[in-house]
Amino acid sequence: MPSICPVCEDTFHVSKLTCKNCESELHGTFELNEFASLNKEKLDFLRLYLISRGNLTKVASKLKISYPTALDRFTKLLEDLFKDNEDYSKSSNLSGLFQKNIDQLLKKSEDIRKDYTKNILNQFISNEMTEEETAEKILKVTGSDTLSQKEIDELIILLKIIKKGGEKNVKH
């Protein structure tokens, strides 16, 4: 349903509602909500986003587009939906709107990664894991799974040094 007048480009208002069943009519001036202003493509994107439970990675996969493209479409969708909303318009983009929450999540993620790495090192120092197992787990935690063999060997040497120093401090 068009929401903008093609003649003067002002917003359309609904002036008559009709029941399909009994043909009752209601006359007045009714404003369309922000969802009525979305074109078919954006409405379809919103439906897919909702069906995917807000997971943009799934949306990108289903549409066979990259995640940044899906994020860009989502940002434009939000801009269309909330262009008249003061809280949203204060933010220049999606990341500005959610920056505080993103920062908190990143800090929490960093803290969890540090704690997990400490736990891995303590297990290693307590002889619960080999140097290779420890290096593999640390690489997974840090997301550094593309290290060269030389870098992995250097990490194993570092782990051996840590173990020698840590054995003195481990409480049994």
N, C-alpha and C. Protein backbone atom coordinates (compact mmCIF):
# COMPACT_ATOMS: atom_id res chain seq x y z
N MET A 1 0.85 -1.17 0.00
CA MET A 1 0.00 0.00 0.00
C MET A 1 0.90 1.23 0.00
N PRO A 2 0.67 2.14 -0.91
CA PRO A 2 1.50 3.36 -0.92
C PRO A 2 1.23 4.22 0.31
N SER A 3 2.26 4.84 0.83
CA SER A 3 2.08 5.69 2.00
C SER A 3 2.37 7.15 1.69
N ILE A 4 2.94 7.41 0.50
CA ILE A 4 3.29 8.77 0.09
C ILE A 4 2.48 9.14 -1.16
N CYS A 5 1.93 10.34 -1.15
CA CYS A 5 1.15 10.84 -2.28
C CYS A 5 2.09 11.09 -3.47
N PRO A 6 1.78 10.53 -4.64
CA PRO A 6 2.65 10.74 -5.80
C PRO A 6 2.54 12.16 -6.37
N VAL A 7 1.51 12.90 -6.00
CA VAL A 7 1.32 14.26 -6.52
C VAL A 7 2.11 15.29 -5.71
N CYS A 8 1.88 15.29 -4.38
CA CYS A 8 2.52 16.32 -3.55
C CYS A 8 3.59 15.77 -2.60
N GLU A 9 3.75 14.45 -2.55
CA GLU A 9 4.72 13.76 -1.70
C GLU A 9 4.45 13.90 -0.21
N ASP A 10 3.23 14.22 0.16
CA ASP A 10 2.84 14.24 1.57
C ASP A 10 2.41 12.82 1.96
N THR A 11 2.23 12.59 3.26
CA THR A 11 1.83 11.28 3.73
C THR A 11 0.35 11.03 3.50
N PHE A 12 0.04 9.84 2.98
CA PHE A 12 -1.37 9.45 2.83
C PHE A 12 -1.97 9.17 4.20
N HIS A 13 -3.27 9.43 4.32
CA HIS A 13 -4.03 9.04 5.51
C HIS A 13 -5.19 8.18 5.02
N VAL A 14 -5.49 7.16 5.79
CA VAL A 14 -6.63 6.31 5.45
C VAL A 14 -7.88 7.05 5.91
N SER A 15 -8.89 7.12 5.04
CA SER A 15 -10.11 7.84 5.41
C SER A 15 -11.33 6.92 5.49
N LYS A 16 -11.19 5.68 5.03
CA LYS A 16 -12.34 4.78 5.07
C LYS A 16 -11.86 3.36 5.29
N LEU A 17 -12.49 2.67 6.24
CA LEU A 17 -12.23 1.26 6.49
C LEU A 17 -13.51 0.50 6.16
N THR A 18 -13.36 -0.63 5.47
CA THR A 18 -14.53 -1.41 5.05
C THR A 18 -14.34 -2.86 5.47
N CYS A 19 -15.40 -3.45 6.03
CA CYS A 19 -15.38 -4.85 6.41
C CYS A 19 -15.69 -5.70 5.17
N LYS A 20 -14.84 -6.67 4.87
CA LYS A 20 -15.06 -7.54 3.71
C LYS A 20 -16.30 -8.41 3.90
N ASN A 21 -16.59 -8.77 5.11
CA ASN A 21 -17.70 -9.69 5.38
C ASN A 21 -19.07 -9.00 5.27
N CYS A 22 -19.28 -7.95 6.04
CA CYS A 22 -20.62 -7.33 6.07
C CYS A 22 -20.67 -5.98 5.36
N GLU A 23 -19.55 -5.52 4.84
CA GLU A 23 -19.43 -4.26 4.12
C GLU A 23 -19.73 -3.03 4.96
N SER A 24 -19.61 -3.16 6.29
CA SER A 24 -19.73 -1.98 7.15
C SER A 24 -18.57 -1.05 6.84
N GLU A 25 -18.82 0.25 6.98
CA GLU A 25 -17.79 1.24 6.69
C GLU A 25 -17.57 2.15 7.89
N LEU A 26 -16.34 2.54 8.05
CA LEU A 26 -15.97 3.48 9.10
C LEU A 26 -15.21 4.61 8.43
N HIS A 27 -15.73 5.83 8.55
CA HIS A 27 -15.09 7.00 7.93
C HIS A 27 -14.39 7.83 8.99
N GLY A 28 -13.28 8.39 8.63
CA GLY A 28 -12.50 9.22 9.54
C GLY A 28 -11.13 9.48 8.94
N THR A 29 -10.21 9.95 9.75
CA THR A 29 -8.83 10.14 9.31
C THR A 29 -7.95 9.26 10.18
N PHE A 30 -7.34 8.28 9.57
CA PHE A 30 -6.51 7.31 10.28
C PHE A 30 -5.10 7.37 9.72
N GLU A 31 -4.12 7.51 10.59
CA GLU A 31 -2.73 7.54 10.14
C GLU A 31 -2.21 6.12 9.99
N LEU A 32 -1.38 5.91 9.00
CA LEU A 32 -0.73 4.61 8.81
C LEU A 32 0.43 4.50 9.79
N ASN A 33 0.69 3.29 10.26
CA ASN A 33 1.85 3.12 11.14
C ASN A 33 3.12 3.02 10.30
N GLU A 34 4.25 3.00 10.97
CA GLU A 34 5.54 3.02 10.26
C GLU A 34 5.75 1.78 9.38
N PHE A 35 5.12 0.66 9.72
CA PHE A 35 5.29 -0.55 8.93
C PHE A 35 4.59 -0.44 7.57
N ALA A 36 3.54 0.34 7.50
CA ALA A 36 2.82 0.52 6.23
C ALA A 36 3.66 1.29 5.22
N SER A 37 4.69 1.99 5.70
CA SER A 37 5.53 2.76 4.79
C SER A 37 6.63 1.93 4.14
N LEU A 38 6.81 0.69 4.60
CA LEU A 38 7.87 -0.15 4.05
C LEU A 38 7.49 -0.70 2.68
N ASN A 39 8.46 -0.71 1.77
CA ASN A 39 8.19 -1.35 0.47
C ASN A 39 8.26 -2.87 0.65
N LYS A 40 7.88 -3.62 -0.37
CA LYS A 40 7.80 -5.09 -0.28
C LYS A 40 9.14 -5.71 0.10
N GLU A 41 10.22 -5.21 -0.50
CA GLU A 41 11.54 -5.76 -0.22
C GLU A 41 11.91 -5.62 1.26
N LYS A 42 11.66 -4.44 1.82
CA LYS A 42 11.99 -4.21 3.23
C LYS A 42 11.06 -4.98 4.16
N LEU A 43 9.80 -5.10 3.79
CA LEU A 43 8.85 -5.86 4.59
C LEU A 43 9.23 -7.35 4.58
N ASP A 44 9.64 -7.86 3.42
CA ASP A 44 10.09 -9.25 3.33
C ASP A 44 11.34 -9.47 4.18
N PHE A 45 12.26 -8.49 4.14
CA PHE A 45 13.47 -8.58 4.96
C PHE A 45 13.11 -8.61 6.44
N LEU A 46 12.18 -7.76 6.85
CA LEU A 46 11.75 -7.72 8.25
C LEU A 46 11.12 -9.05 8.66
N ARG A 47 10.29 -9.60 7.80
CA ARG A 47 9.67 -10.91 8.09
C ARG A 47 10.73 -11.98 8.28
N LEU A 48 11.71 -12.03 7.37
CA LEU A 48 12.78 -13.01 7.48
C LEU A 48 13.60 -12.80 8.75
N TYR A 49 13.85 -11.55 9.09
CA TYR A 49 14.58 -11.22 10.31
C TYR A 49 13.82 -11.75 11.54
N LEU A 50 12.51 -11.55 11.55
CA LEU A 50 11.70 -12.02 12.68
C LEU A 50 11.64 -13.55 12.73
N ILE A 51 11.48 -14.18 11.57
CA ILE A 51 11.45 -15.64 11.51
C ILE A 51 12.78 -16.21 11.98
N SER A 52 13.87 -15.49 11.69
CA SER A 52 15.21 -15.92 12.10
C SER A 52 15.52 -15.52 13.54
N ARG A 53 14.52 -15.01 14.24
CA ARG A 53 14.64 -14.62 15.65
C ARG A 53 15.73 -13.58 15.88
N GLY A 54 15.85 -12.66 14.91
CA GLY A 54 16.79 -11.56 15.07
C GLY A 54 18.23 -11.92 14.79
N ASN A 55 18.48 -13.07 14.18
CA ASN A 55 19.84 -13.49 13.89
C ASN A 55 20.21 -13.06 12.46
N LEU A 56 20.98 -11.99 12.34
CA LEU A 56 21.35 -11.47 11.02
C LEU A 56 22.26 -12.42 10.25
N THR A 57 23.01 -13.25 10.96
CA THR A 57 23.83 -14.25 10.27
C THR A 57 22.95 -15.22 9.51
N LYS A 58 21.84 -15.66 10.14
CA LYS A 58 20.90 -16.55 9.46
C LYS A 58 20.23 -15.84 8.29
N VAL A 59 19.87 -14.58 8.49
CA VAL A 59 19.24 -13.80 7.42
C VAL A 59 20.18 -13.73 6.22
N ALA A 60 21.44 -13.39 6.48
CA ALA A 60 22.43 -13.29 5.40
C ALA A 60 22.58 -14.62 4.68
N SER A 61 22.61 -15.70 5.43
CA SER A 61 22.74 -17.03 4.83
C SER A 61 21.54 -17.36 3.95
N LYS A 62 20.34 -17.10 4.45
CA LYS A 62 19.12 -17.42 3.69
C LYS A 62 19.02 -16.57 2.42
N LEU A 63 19.48 -15.32 2.49
CA LEU A 63 19.42 -14.44 1.32
C LEU A 63 20.64 -14.59 0.41
N LYS A 64 21.62 -15.41 0.89
CA LYS A 64 22.87 -15.60 0.15
C LYS A 64 23.59 -14.27 -0.10
N ILE A 65 23.68 -13.48 0.98
CA ILE A 65 24.40 -12.21 0.94
C ILE A 65 25.39 -12.21 2.09
N SER A 66 26.33 -11.30 2.06
CA SER A 66 27.32 -11.22 3.14
C SER A 66 26.66 -10.62 4.39
N TYR A 67 27.28 -10.88 5.53
CA TYR A 67 26.78 -10.31 6.79
C TYR A 67 26.77 -8.78 6.74
N PRO A 68 27.86 -8.13 6.25
CA PRO A 68 27.83 -6.66 6.18
C PRO A 68 26.68 -6.13 5.32
N THR A 69 26.34 -6.84 4.24
CA THR A 69 25.22 -6.41 3.39
C THR A 69 23.91 -6.55 4.16
N ALA A 70 23.75 -7.66 4.90
CA ALA A 70 22.55 -7.85 5.71
C ALA A 70 22.45 -6.77 6.79
N LEU A 71 23.57 -6.45 7.42
CA LEU A 71 23.59 -5.41 8.46
C LEU A 71 23.23 -4.05 7.85
N ASP A 72 23.73 -3.77 6.66
CA ASP A 72 23.41 -2.52 5.98
C ASP A 72 21.91 -2.43 5.67
N ARG A 73 21.34 -3.53 5.19
CA ARG A 73 19.90 -3.55 4.90
C ARG A 73 19.09 -3.37 6.18
N PHE A 74 19.56 -4.00 7.26
CA PHE A 74 18.86 -3.88 8.54
C PHE A 74 18.92 -2.44 9.04
N THR A 75 20.08 -1.81 8.91
CA THR A 75 20.25 -0.41 9.33
C THR A 75 19.31 0.50 8.55
N LYS A 76 19.23 0.29 7.23
CA LYS A 76 18.33 1.10 6.40
C LYS A 76 16.87 0.86 6.77
N LEU A 77 16.55 -0.38 7.10
CA LEU A 77 15.19 -0.71 7.54
C LEU A 77 14.85 0.06 8.82
N LEU A 78 15.77 0.05 9.77
CA LEU A 78 15.55 0.79 11.03
C LEU A 78 15.42 2.29 10.77
N GLU A 79 16.24 2.80 9.87
CA GLU A 79 16.16 4.23 9.54
C GLU A 79 14.80 4.56 8.96
N ASP A 80 14.27 3.69 8.09
CA ASP A 80 12.94 3.92 7.51
C ASP A 80 11.85 3.84 8.58
N LEU A 81 11.97 2.85 9.45
CA LEU A 81 10.94 2.66 10.48
C LEU A 81 10.94 3.78 11.52
N PHE A 82 12.11 4.25 11.88
CA PHE A 82 12.20 5.18 13.01
C PHE A 82 12.70 6.56 12.62
N LYS A 83 12.50 6.95 11.36
CA LYS A 83 13.00 8.25 10.91
C LYS A 83 12.38 9.42 11.68
N ASP A 84 11.18 9.24 12.24
CA ASP A 84 10.54 10.31 13.00
C ASP A 84 10.71 10.14 14.51
N ASN A 85 11.46 9.13 14.94
CA ASN A 85 11.65 8.85 16.35
C ASN A 85 12.87 9.62 16.84
N GLU A 86 12.68 10.49 17.83
CA GLU A 86 13.76 11.34 18.34
C GLU A 86 14.94 10.53 18.87
N ASP A 87 14.64 9.47 19.65
CA ASP A 87 15.72 8.68 20.22
C ASP A 87 16.59 8.06 19.14
N TYR A 88 15.96 7.57 18.08
CA TYR A 88 16.73 6.95 17.01
C TYR A 88 17.46 8.00 16.18
N SER A 89 16.81 9.10 15.92
CA SER A 89 17.42 10.11 15.04
C SER A 89 18.62 10.79 15.70
N LYS A 90 18.73 10.74 17.03
CA LYS A 90 19.90 11.29 17.71
C LYS A 90 21.15 10.50 17.34
N SER A 91 20.96 9.26 16.98
CA SER A 91 22.07 8.40 16.61
C SER A 91 22.24 8.45 15.09
N SER A 92 23.45 8.59 14.62
CA SER A 92 23.66 8.68 13.18
C SER A 92 23.61 7.33 12.49
N ASN A 93 23.79 6.24 13.25
CA ASN A 93 23.73 4.93 12.63
C ASN A 93 23.42 3.87 13.68
N LEU A 94 23.29 2.64 13.25
CA LEU A 94 22.93 1.54 14.14
C LEU A 94 23.94 1.35 15.25
N SER A 95 25.23 1.42 14.93
CA SER A 95 26.23 1.19 15.96
C SER A 95 26.18 2.28 17.02
N GLY A 96 25.83 3.50 16.64
CA GLY A 96 25.69 4.57 17.62
C GLY A 96 24.54 4.30 18.57
N LEU A 97 23.45 3.73 18.03
CA LEU A 97 22.27 3.44 18.84
C LEU A 97 22.57 2.38 19.90
N PHE A 98 23.37 1.40 19.55
CA PHE A 98 23.61 0.28 20.46
C PHE A 98 25.04 0.26 21.00
N GLN A 99 25.79 1.35 20.84
CA GLN A 99 27.21 1.34 21.18
C GLN A 99 27.47 0.96 22.63
N LYS A 100 26.67 1.46 23.55
CA LYS A 100 26.88 1.15 24.97
C LYS A 100 26.74 -0.35 25.21
N ASN A 101 25.69 -0.96 24.65
CA ASN A 101 25.49 -2.40 24.82
C ASN A 101 26.59 -3.20 24.16
N ILE A 102 27.03 -2.76 22.98
CA ILE A 102 28.10 -3.46 22.27
C ILE A 102 29.38 -3.41 23.10
N ASP A 103 29.70 -2.23 23.64
CA ASP A 103 30.90 -2.08 24.46
C ASP A 103 30.85 -3.00 25.68
N GLN A 104 29.68 -3.08 26.32
CA GLN A 104 29.53 -3.95 27.48
C GLN A 104 29.72 -5.42 27.10
N LEU A 105 29.14 -5.82 25.98
CA LEU A 105 29.28 -7.20 25.53
C LEU A 105 30.73 -7.53 25.20
N LEU A 106 31.43 -6.61 24.54
CA LEU A 106 32.83 -6.85 24.20
C LEU A 106 33.68 -6.97 25.45
N LYS A 107 33.42 -6.11 26.44
CA LYS A 107 34.18 -6.20 27.68
C LYS A 107 33.92 -7.52 28.38
N LYS A 108 32.65 -7.92 28.43
CA LYS A 108 32.31 -9.19 29.08
C LYS A 108 32.97 -10.35 28.34
N SER A 109 32.95 -10.30 27.01
CA SER A 109 33.58 -11.34 26.20
C SER A 109 35.08 -11.40 26.47
N GLU A 110 35.70 -10.22 26.55
CA GLU A 110 37.14 -10.15 26.83
C GLU A 110 37.43 -10.74 28.21
N ASP A 111 36.61 -10.40 29.22
CA ASP A 111 36.80 -10.92 30.57
C ASP A 111 36.66 -12.44 30.59
N ILE A 112 35.64 -12.96 29.89
CA ILE A 112 35.42 -14.41 29.84
C ILE A 112 36.60 -15.09 29.17
N ARG A 113 37.10 -14.50 28.08
CA ARG A 113 38.24 -15.06 27.35
C ARG A 113 39.48 -15.09 28.25
N LYS A 114 39.71 -14.01 29.02
CA LYS A 114 40.85 -13.97 29.93
C LYS A 114 40.72 -15.04 31.00
N ASP A 115 39.52 -15.15 31.61
CA ASP A 115 39.30 -16.16 32.65
C ASP A 115 39.50 -17.56 32.10
N TYR A 116 38.99 -17.81 30.90
CA TYR A 116 39.10 -19.12 30.29
C TYR A 116 40.56 -19.45 29.99
N THR A 117 41.31 -18.44 29.51
CA THR A 117 42.73 -18.64 29.22
C THR A 117 43.49 -18.95 30.51
N LYS A 118 43.17 -18.23 31.59
CA LYS A 118 43.81 -18.51 32.89
C LYS A 118 43.51 -19.93 33.35
N ASN A 119 42.26 -20.35 33.16
CA ASN A 119 41.87 -21.70 33.54
C ASN A 119 42.65 -22.75 32.74
N ILE A 120 42.81 -22.50 31.43
CA ILE A 120 43.58 -23.41 30.57
C ILE A 120 45.03 -23.49 31.07
N LEU A 121 45.62 -22.33 31.38
CA LEU A 121 47.01 -22.31 31.84
C LEU A 121 47.15 -23.03 33.19
N ASN A 122 46.18 -22.85 34.08
CA ASN A 122 46.23 -23.55 35.37
C ASN A 122 46.13 -25.06 35.19
N GLN A 123 45.29 -25.51 34.25
CA GLN A 123 45.19 -26.94 33.97
C GLN A 123 46.51 -27.46 33.40
N PHE A 124 47.14 -26.67 32.56
CA PHE A 124 48.43 -27.04 31.98
C PHE A 124 49.49 -27.14 33.06
N ILE A 125 49.56 -26.13 33.93
CA ILE A 125 50.56 -26.11 35.00
C ILE A 125 50.34 -27.27 35.97
N SER A 126 49.08 -27.69 36.12
CA SER A 126 48.74 -28.81 37.01
C SER A 126 48.89 -30.16 36.31
N ASN A 127 49.51 -30.17 35.15
CA ASN A 127 49.75 -31.39 34.37
C ASN A 127 48.48 -32.09 33.90
N GLU A 128 47.40 -31.33 33.70
CA GLU A 128 46.16 -31.91 33.19
C GLU A 128 46.12 -31.90 31.66
N MET A 129 47.05 -31.12 31.05
CA MET A 129 47.11 -31.03 29.59
C MET A 129 48.56 -30.96 29.13
N THR A 130 48.80 -31.41 27.92
CA THR A 130 50.13 -31.29 27.33
C THR A 130 50.30 -29.89 26.75
N GLU A 131 51.53 -29.57 26.35
CA GLU A 131 51.79 -28.28 25.72
C GLU A 131 50.94 -28.12 24.45
N GLU A 132 50.87 -29.20 23.66
CA GLU A 132 50.13 -29.15 22.40
C GLU A 132 48.64 -28.92 22.63
N GLU A 133 48.06 -29.64 23.61
CA GLU A 133 46.63 -29.46 23.92
C GLU A 133 46.36 -28.04 24.41
N THR A 134 47.26 -27.54 25.25
CA THR A 134 47.10 -26.19 25.79
C THR A 134 47.20 -25.16 24.67
N ALA A 135 48.19 -25.31 23.81
CA ALA A 135 48.35 -24.38 22.69
C ALA A 135 47.11 -24.39 21.81
N GLU A 136 46.58 -25.57 21.53
CA GLU A 136 45.38 -25.69 20.68
C GLU A 136 44.19 -24.97 21.31
N LYS A 137 43.99 -25.16 22.62
CA LYS A 137 42.86 -24.50 23.30
C LYS A 137 43.04 -22.98 23.35
N ILE A 138 44.26 -22.53 23.61
CA ILE A 138 44.52 -21.09 23.65
C ILE A 138 44.27 -20.47 22.28
N LEU A 139 44.70 -21.16 21.23
CA LEU A 139 44.48 -20.65 19.88
C LEU A 139 42.99 -20.54 19.57
N LYS A 140 42.20 -21.50 20.03
CA LYS A 140 40.75 -21.44 19.81
C LYS A 140 40.13 -20.28 20.56
N VAL A 141 40.54 -20.07 21.80
CA VAL A 141 39.99 -18.99 22.63
C VAL A 141 40.30 -17.62 22.03
N THR A 142 41.51 -17.46 21.54
CA THR A 142 41.92 -16.16 21.00
C THR A 142 41.51 -15.96 19.56
N GLY A 143 41.02 -17.03 18.93
CA GLY A 143 40.61 -16.91 17.52
C GLY A 143 41.81 -16.85 16.59
N SER A 144 42.96 -17.31 17.06
CA SER A 144 44.19 -17.26 16.25
C SER A 144 44.49 -18.63 15.66
N ASP A 145 43.54 -19.17 14.92
CA ASP A 145 43.73 -20.52 14.38
C ASP A 145 44.48 -20.53 13.06
N THR A 146 45.05 -19.40 12.67
CA THR A 146 45.79 -19.33 11.40
C THR A 146 47.27 -19.03 11.64
N LEU A 147 47.79 -19.45 12.76
CA LEU A 147 49.20 -19.22 13.05
C LEU A 147 50.06 -20.19 12.25
N SER A 148 51.27 -19.75 11.95
CA SER A 148 52.23 -20.62 11.26
C SER A 148 52.76 -21.65 12.26
N GLN A 149 53.38 -22.70 11.73
CA GLN A 149 53.95 -23.73 12.60
C GLN A 149 55.01 -23.12 13.51
N LYS A 150 55.77 -22.15 12.99
CA LYS A 150 56.81 -21.49 13.80
C LYS A 150 56.18 -20.77 14.99
N GLU A 151 55.07 -20.07 14.75
CA GLU A 151 54.39 -19.35 15.84
C GLU A 151 53.82 -20.33 16.86
N ILE A 152 53.31 -21.45 16.40
CA ILE A 152 52.79 -22.48 17.32
C ILE A 152 53.93 -23.05 18.15
N ASP A 153 55.07 -23.32 17.51
CA ASP A 153 56.25 -23.83 18.23
C ASP A 153 56.71 -22.83 19.29
N GLU A 154 56.68 -21.52 18.94
CA GLU A 154 57.07 -20.48 19.89
C GLU A 154 56.10 -20.45 21.08
N LEU A 155 54.81 -20.65 20.81
CA LEU A 155 53.81 -20.69 21.88
C LEU A 155 54.08 -21.88 22.80
N ILE A 156 54.44 -23.02 22.23
CA ILE A 156 54.73 -24.22 23.04
C ILE A 156 55.96 -23.98 23.91
N ILE A 157 56.98 -23.32 23.36
CA ILE A 157 58.17 -22.98 24.15
C ILE A 157 57.79 -22.05 25.29
N LEU A 158 56.96 -21.05 25.01
CA LEU A 158 56.49 -20.14 26.04
C LEU A 158 55.72 -20.89 27.12
N LEU A 159 54.90 -21.86 26.71
CA LEU A 159 54.15 -22.66 27.68
C LEU A 159 55.09 -23.45 28.59
N LYS A 160 56.16 -23.96 28.03
CA LYS A 160 57.14 -24.71 28.85
C LYS A 160 57.78 -23.80 29.89
N ILE A 161 58.06 -22.55 29.47
CA ILE A 161 58.64 -21.58 30.41
C ILE A 161 57.63 -21.24 31.50
N ILE A 162 56.38 -21.04 31.09
CA ILE A 162 55.31 -20.73 32.07
C ILE A 162 55.17 -21.87 33.05
N LYS A 163 55.23 -23.10 32.53
CA LYS A 163 55.05 -24.27 33.40
C LYS A 163 56.15 -24.34 34.45
N LYS A 164 57.38 -24.08 34.04
CA LYS A 164 58.48 -24.14 35.02
C LYS A 164 58.28 -23.11 36.12
N GLY A 165 57.85 -21.91 35.75
CA GLY A 165 57.59 -20.87 36.75
C GLY A 165 56.32 -21.14 37.53
N GLY A 166 55.31 -21.73 36.90
CA GLY A 166 54.02 -21.97 37.53
C GLY A 166 54.03 -23.13 38.50
N GLU A 167 54.89 -24.12 38.24
CA GLU A 167 54.93 -25.27 39.13
C GLU A 167 55.29 -24.86 40.54
N LYS A 168 56.04 -23.79 40.68
CA LYS A 168 56.45 -23.30 42.00
C LYS A 168 55.26 -22.68 42.74
N ASN A 169 54.26 -22.16 41.97
CA ASN A 169 53.16 -21.41 42.57
C ASN A 169 51.86 -22.20 42.69
N VAL A 170 51.77 -23.40 42.10
CA VAL A 170 50.53 -24.17 42.11
C VAL A 170 50.34 -24.77 43.49
N LYS A 171 49.12 -24.59 44.02
CA LYS A 171 48.79 -25.16 45.34
C LYS A 171 48.12 -26.49 45.12
N HIS A 172 48.64 -27.56 45.75
CA HIS A 172 48.06 -28.90 45.59
C HIS A 172 47.10 -29.20 46.69
